[in-house]
Amino acid sequence: MKKKILVLGSNGKTGRRVAARLENNPEVEISLGSRNEKIPFDWEKPETWENVVNGIDTVYITFQPDLAVPFAADAIENFTNLATKSGVQKIVLLSGRGEQEAQVCEEIVKKNAKNWTIIRASWFSQNFSESFFLDPILYGIVALPRAEALEPFTDADDIADVVTAALLDESHNGKTYELTGPRLLTFKDAVNEIANASSRNISFQSLSLEEYAQMLKEYQVPEDHIWLVNYLFEQVLDGRNSNVTSDIEKVLGRKAKDFSAYAEETAKTGIWNPEN
C-alpha cells in the first residue's frame, strides 16, 4: 500500500523540492497543500484543513510566513490536533533555528503527533536567488543590518533531502535535527561570493536596523513582511546560530553543500544577470 504524504507549502523553497523528490517514488502517493491546488489549503482559513488531511498518513509542515508570527502557535495546535484525529500517523515540521516562538510550535507538534521529526534551519542560501535578497543583488547594491553576524547558510536542497528522508524512514521518528551549511559567513562574505561567481560588481552597505526598516518602508514593503525581517535580524542574528552542526551529514551520509558551490551553480542559471 502506498504511503500518502501531504506536503504543505508545496510552492515554497523546501516544499516544492520535497514534492519533486517524492513524485517519482512508486511507494508514495503525494498530495500538495497550497492555496492554488484544486483542494486548497490556507493557514488562515481553518475550514480548508479537513479536506486536505483526509486519508493522509504523513504530513510535512512548512508554515507561512514564519512560525514566529503571533497566530502560528494556535494554528499549529489546531491543525496538528485535527490531523492526528483524522488518522495522520506522522508529522515532520520545518522549524526556525534559534527562534523561541518556533520552539513553542515544536512542543505542540511533539504533544499532538503520534510520531514526529523536527527539522530546524535558519537562513537559506536560496534567499539570495529565490527570495527577498534577489532584487538588491540584481540592482548591484545589497544594504543590510547586522553586517558582522556570522551565519551558516543552509542549502534548500540539503534541507529537502533531509525532510524527504524523515518522511520516508521511521528511524528519524522522535529526532530533532539542526541543519547548517559547513562554514560561517557574514552577509558581506555571501554577497562577495555571489559577485565572484556571477562576475559582477555588487557592493555591500551596512545599515542600522532602524535605517533598514525605513528603507523597506520607502520601498513600500508590506508591514507584516517588515516586522518579520526585523525580527529575524534583531532576534535571531545575535550570534545564537553562529555555529555549524553535522546533522546533514548524520542523516544523509554526505557533507552539507558549501555556499560557494551554491553560488557557482546558481550563477550558471543566469538568475543573477540583470539583463535576464
Protein backbone atom coordinates (compact mmCIF):
# COMPACT_ATOMS: atom_id res chain seq x y z
CA MET A 1 0.00 0.00 0.00
CA LYS A 2 1.33 3.44 -0.93
CA LYS A 3 2.20 5.92 1.81
CA LYS A 4 0.04 9.02 1.43
CA ILE A 5 2.14 12.13 2.12
CA LEU A 6 0.84 15.70 2.29
CA VAL A 7 3.35 18.48 1.56
CA LEU A 8 2.17 21.83 2.91
CA GLY A 9 3.72 24.93 1.38
CA SER A 10 4.25 22.94 -1.81
CA ASN A 11 5.14 26.12 -3.75
CA GLY A 12 7.77 27.20 -1.21
CA LYS A 13 11.54 26.82 -1.29
CA THR A 14 11.62 23.47 0.52
CA GLY A 15 8.07 22.30 -0.19
CA ARG A 16 8.44 22.19 -3.95
CA ARG A 17 11.82 20.45 -3.65
CA VAL A 18 10.40 17.81 -1.31
CA ALA A 19 7.43 17.32 -3.65
CA ALA A 20 9.79 16.82 -6.60
CA ARG A 21 11.72 14.16 -4.67
CA LEU A 22 8.55 12.28 -3.75
CA GLU A 23 6.82 12.47 -7.14
CA ASN A 24 8.89 9.69 -8.70
CA ASN A 25 8.72 7.38 -5.68
CA PRO A 26 6.46 4.42 -6.59
CA GLU A 27 5.71 3.80 -2.91
CA VAL A 28 4.31 7.29 -2.31
CA GLU A 29 1.05 8.99 -3.17
CA ILE A 30 1.68 12.71 -2.79
CA SER A 31 -0.80 15.48 -2.04
CA LEU A 32 0.11 19.15 -2.39
CA GLY A 33 -1.09 21.75 0.09
CA SER A 34 -1.33 25.35 -1.11
CA ARG A 35 -3.96 27.97 -1.85
CA ASN A 36 -3.74 27.24 -5.58
CA GLU A 37 -4.45 23.50 -5.52
CA LYS A 38 -7.77 22.01 -6.64
CA ILE A 39 -8.38 21.20 -2.96
CA PRO A 40 -6.95 24.42 -1.48
CA PHE A 41 -5.12 24.75 1.82
CA ASP A 42 -4.78 28.07 3.65
CA TRP A 43 -3.33 28.51 7.15
CA GLU A 44 -5.63 31.48 7.68
CA LYS A 45 -8.76 29.51 6.71
CA PRO A 46 -9.15 26.51 9.05
CA GLU A 47 -12.22 25.41 7.12
CA THR A 48 -9.84 24.30 4.32
CA TRP A 49 -7.82 21.95 6.53
CA GLU A 50 -10.05 18.89 6.94
CA ASN A 51 -10.43 18.05 3.26
CA VAL A 52 -6.67 18.25 2.77
CA VAL A 53 -5.69 15.89 5.62
CA ASN A 54 -8.41 13.34 4.89
CA GLY A 55 -6.80 9.96 4.14
CA ILE A 56 -3.24 11.22 4.71
CA ASP A 57 -0.61 9.14 6.55
CA THR A 58 2.24 11.66 6.87
CA VAL A 59 2.41 15.48 6.75
CA TYR A 60 5.29 17.85 6.06
CA ILE A 61 4.53 21.22 7.66
CA THR A 62 6.06 24.45 6.47
CA PHE A 63 4.28 27.41 7.98
CA GLN A 64 3.83 30.67 6.10
CA PRO A 65 5.11 33.25 6.63
CA ASP A 66 7.08 32.03 9.68
CA LEU A 67 6.50 30.23 12.97
CA ALA A 68 7.46 33.47 14.74
CA VAL A 69 4.27 35.27 13.76
CA PRO A 70 1.66 35.71 16.54
CA PHE A 71 -1.03 33.34 15.21
CA ALA A 72 1.34 30.47 14.40
CA ALA A 73 1.10 28.57 17.70
CA ASP A 74 -2.71 28.49 17.66
CA ALA A 75 -2.75 27.38 14.04
CA ILE A 76 -0.20 24.61 14.67
CA GLU A 77 -2.15 23.48 17.76
CA ASN A 78 -5.44 23.27 15.91
CA PHE A 79 -4.05 21.77 12.72
CA THR A 80 -1.98 19.03 14.40
CA ASN A 81 -4.94 18.09 16.61
CA LEU A 82 -7.16 17.78 13.55
CA ALA A 83 -4.51 15.86 11.59
CA THR A 84 -3.97 13.26 14.30
CA LYS A 85 -7.72 12.82 14.86
CA SER A 86 -8.05 12.33 11.09
CA GLY A 87 -5.58 9.44 11.15
CA VAL A 88 -2.25 11.12 10.34
CA GLN A 89 0.49 8.90 11.77
CA LYS A 90 3.48 11.24 11.47
CA ILE A 91 4.27 14.95 11.23
CA VAL A 92 7.56 16.45 10.05
CA LEU A 93 7.92 20.12 10.98
CA LEU A 94 10.28 22.63 9.40
CA SER A 95 11.20 24.89 12.33
CA GLY A 96 13.26 28.02 12.79
CA ARG A 97 16.70 27.53 14.29
CA GLY A 98 17.16 29.81 17.28
CA GLU A 99 13.56 31.05 17.25
CA GLN A 100 11.87 30.74 20.65
CA GLU A 101 8.41 31.04 19.11
CA ALA A 102 9.23 28.22 16.72
CA GLN A 103 10.25 26.02 19.63
CA VAL A 104 6.81 26.58 21.19
CA CYS A 105 5.36 25.17 17.98
CA GLU A 106 7.80 22.24 18.11
CA GLU A 107 6.48 21.28 21.55
CA ILE A 108 2.91 21.43 20.26
CA VAL A 109 3.81 19.02 17.45
CA LYS A 110 5.53 16.66 19.90
CA LYS A 111 2.44 16.70 22.12
CA ASN A 112 -0.16 16.19 19.40
CA ALA A 113 1.52 13.99 16.78
CA LYS A 114 1.67 10.19 17.01
CA ASN A 115 5.17 10.34 15.54
CA TRP A 116 7.24 13.41 14.71
CA THR A 117 10.54 14.74 13.37
CA ILE A 118 11.66 18.33 13.91
CA ILE A 119 13.98 19.92 11.34
CA ARG A 120 15.45 23.29 12.27
CA ALA A 121 17.08 25.65 9.80
CA SER A 122 17.77 29.36 9.65
CA TRP A 123 18.87 31.43 6.63
CA PHE A 124 18.67 29.55 3.33
CA SER A 125 21.32 30.08 0.67
CA GLN A 126 18.40 30.39 -1.75
CA ASN A 127 17.25 33.60 -0.05
CA PHE A 128 19.76 35.23 -2.41
CA SER A 129 18.21 33.75 -5.55
CA GLU A 130 14.56 32.92 -4.78
CA SER A 131 13.58 35.44 -2.14
CA PHE A 132 13.96 38.96 -0.78
CA PHE A 133 17.72 39.38 -1.44
CA LEU A 134 17.41 38.74 -5.20
CA ASP A 135 16.30 42.26 -6.23
CA PRO A 136 19.15 44.04 -4.38
CA ILE A 137 21.66 41.66 -5.96
CA LEU A 138 20.26 42.40 -9.44
CA TYR A 139 20.44 46.11 -8.64
CA GLY A 140 24.06 45.72 -7.57
CA ILE A 141 23.78 47.13 -4.04
CA VAL A 142 22.88 44.98 -1.02
CA ALA A 143 22.22 47.04 2.11
CA LEU A 144 21.58 45.09 5.32
CA PRO A 145 21.89 45.38 9.10
CA ARG A 146 23.92 43.00 11.27
CA ALA A 147 26.82 43.09 8.83
CA GLU A 148 29.10 41.42 11.38
CA ALA A 149 26.77 38.48 12.13
CA LEU A 150 28.09 35.06 11.19
CA GLU A 151 25.56 32.66 9.66
CA PRO A 152 25.97 29.05 8.42
CA PHE A 153 23.80 29.48 5.31
CA THR A 154 22.00 26.22 4.54
CA ASP A 155 21.17 24.99 1.06
CA ALA A 156 17.47 24.31 0.43
CA ASP A 157 18.34 21.14 -1.49
CA ASP A 158 20.08 19.75 1.58
CA ILE A 159 17.05 20.63 3.70
CA ALA A 160 14.74 18.92 1.21
CA ASP A 161 16.90 15.79 1.20
CA VAL A 162 16.75 15.59 5.00
CA VAL A 163 13.00 16.22 5.04
CA THR A 164 12.43 13.52 2.43
CA ALA A 165 14.47 11.05 4.48
CA ALA A 166 12.44 11.91 7.58
CA LEU A 167 9.14 11.47 5.71
CA LEU A 168 10.07 8.05 4.34
CA ASP A 169 12.20 6.48 7.10
CA GLU A 170 10.74 5.79 10.53
CA SER A 171 14.24 5.71 12.07
CA HIS A 172 14.03 9.52 12.20
CA ASN A 173 10.94 9.48 14.43
CA GLY A 174 11.39 11.42 17.66
CA LYS A 175 14.52 13.18 16.38
CA THR A 176 15.32 16.90 16.20
CA TYR A 177 17.87 17.92 13.57
CA GLU A 178 19.60 21.31 13.34
CA LEU A 179 20.70 21.87 9.77
CA THR A 180 23.53 24.20 8.79
CA GLY A 181 25.96 24.72 5.99
CA PRO A 182 29.59 23.67 6.58
CA ARG A 183 31.01 27.12 7.44
CA LEU A 184 30.13 30.54 8.82
CA LEU A 185 29.87 33.63 6.61
CA THR A 186 28.78 37.21 7.10
CA PHE A 187 26.21 38.59 4.67
CA LYS A 188 29.00 40.60 3.09
CA ASP A 189 31.01 37.40 2.59
CA ALA A 190 27.99 35.80 0.91
CA VAL A 191 27.43 38.78 -1.39
CA ASN A 192 31.12 38.78 -2.34
CA GLU A 193 30.92 35.09 -3.26
CA ILE A 194 27.89 35.77 -5.43
CA ALA A 195 29.69 38.70 -7.10
CA ASN A 196 32.69 36.49 -7.86
CA ALA A 197 30.57 33.59 -9.14
CA SER A 198 28.48 35.84 -11.39
CA SER A 199 31.41 38.06 -12.48
CA ARG A 200 29.61 41.20 -11.35
CA ASN A 201 30.35 44.20 -9.16
CA ILE A 202 27.95 44.00 -6.22
CA SER A 203 28.56 46.35 -3.31
CA PHE A 204 27.55 45.76 0.30
CA GLN A 205 26.39 48.52 2.61
CA SER A 206 25.96 48.11 6.37
CA LEU A 207 22.82 49.68 7.86
CA SER A 208 21.38 50.02 11.33
CA LEU A 209 18.15 48.15 11.99
CA GLU A 210 16.31 51.49 12.02
CA GLU A 211 17.78 52.52 8.66
CA TYR A 212 16.89 49.14 7.18
CA ALA A 213 13.28 49.31 8.39
CA GLN A 214 12.97 52.82 6.96
CA MET A 215 14.38 51.68 3.62
CA LEU A 216 11.83 48.84 3.43
CA LYS A 217 9.02 51.30 4.16
CA GLU A 218 10.24 53.58 1.38
CA TYR A 219 10.13 50.62 -0.99
CA GLN A 220 6.53 50.04 0.16
CA VAL A 221 7.26 46.58 1.52
CA PRO A 222 4.17 45.29 3.42
CA GLU A 223 4.24 45.97 7.17
CA ASP A 224 3.95 42.30 8.15
CA HIS A 225 6.99 41.49 6.00
CA ILE A 226 8.93 44.36 7.56
CA TRP A 227 8.03 43.06 11.02
CA LEU A 228 9.24 39.55 10.19
CA VAL A 229 12.51 40.65 8.60
CA ASN A 230 13.21 42.96 11.56
CA TYR A 231 12.50 40.10 13.94
CA LEU A 232 14.93 37.82 12.14
CA PHE A 233 17.69 40.42 12.04
CA GLU A 234 17.14 41.70 15.56
CA GLN A 235 16.43 38.47 17.45
CA VAL A 236 17.94 35.58 15.51
CA LEU A 237 21.12 37.21 14.18
CA ASP A 238 22.55 37.92 17.63
CA GLY A 239 25.14 35.15 17.48
CA ARG A 240 22.94 32.32 18.75
CA ASN A 241 23.20 30.50 15.42
CA SER A 242 26.88 31.25 14.78
CA ASN A 243 27.96 27.62 14.85
CA VAL A 244 27.81 24.67 12.48
CA THR A 245 26.40 21.19 13.05
CA SER A 246 26.98 17.83 11.38
CA ASP A 247 23.31 16.84 11.25
CA ILE A 248 23.07 16.94 7.43
CA GLU A 249 26.00 14.53 7.21
CA LYS A 250 24.49 12.43 10.01
CA VAL A 251 21.22 11.98 8.12
CA LEU A 252 22.45 11.87 4.51
CA GLY A 253 25.91 10.36 4.86
CA ARG A 254 27.49 13.24 2.93
CA LYS A 255 28.74 16.74 3.62
CA ALA A 256 26.44 19.75 3.53
CA LYS A 257 26.70 21.89 0.39
CA ASP A 258 29.05 24.84 0.78
CA PHE A 259 27.80 28.34 -0.07
CA SER A 260 30.45 28.70 -2.78
CA ALA A 261 29.07 25.60 -4.56
CA TYR A 262 25.57 27.06 -4.34
CA ALA A 263 26.82 30.39 -5.74
CA GLU A 264 28.65 28.76 -8.65
CA GLU A 265 25.71 26.51 -9.57
CA THR A 266 23.18 29.34 -9.30
CA ALA A 267 25.29 31.78 -11.31
CA LYS A 268 25.21 29.33 -14.24
CA THR A 269 21.40 29.61 -14.38
CA GLY A 270 21.66 33.33 -15.18
CA ILE A 271 19.29 34.34 -12.36
CA TRP A 272 21.79 36.98 -11.16
CA ASN A 273 22.22 38.51 -14.61
CA PRO A 274 20.31 41.85 -14.60
CA GLU A 275 19.67 41.53 -18.33
CA ASN A 276 17.61 38.34 -17.94
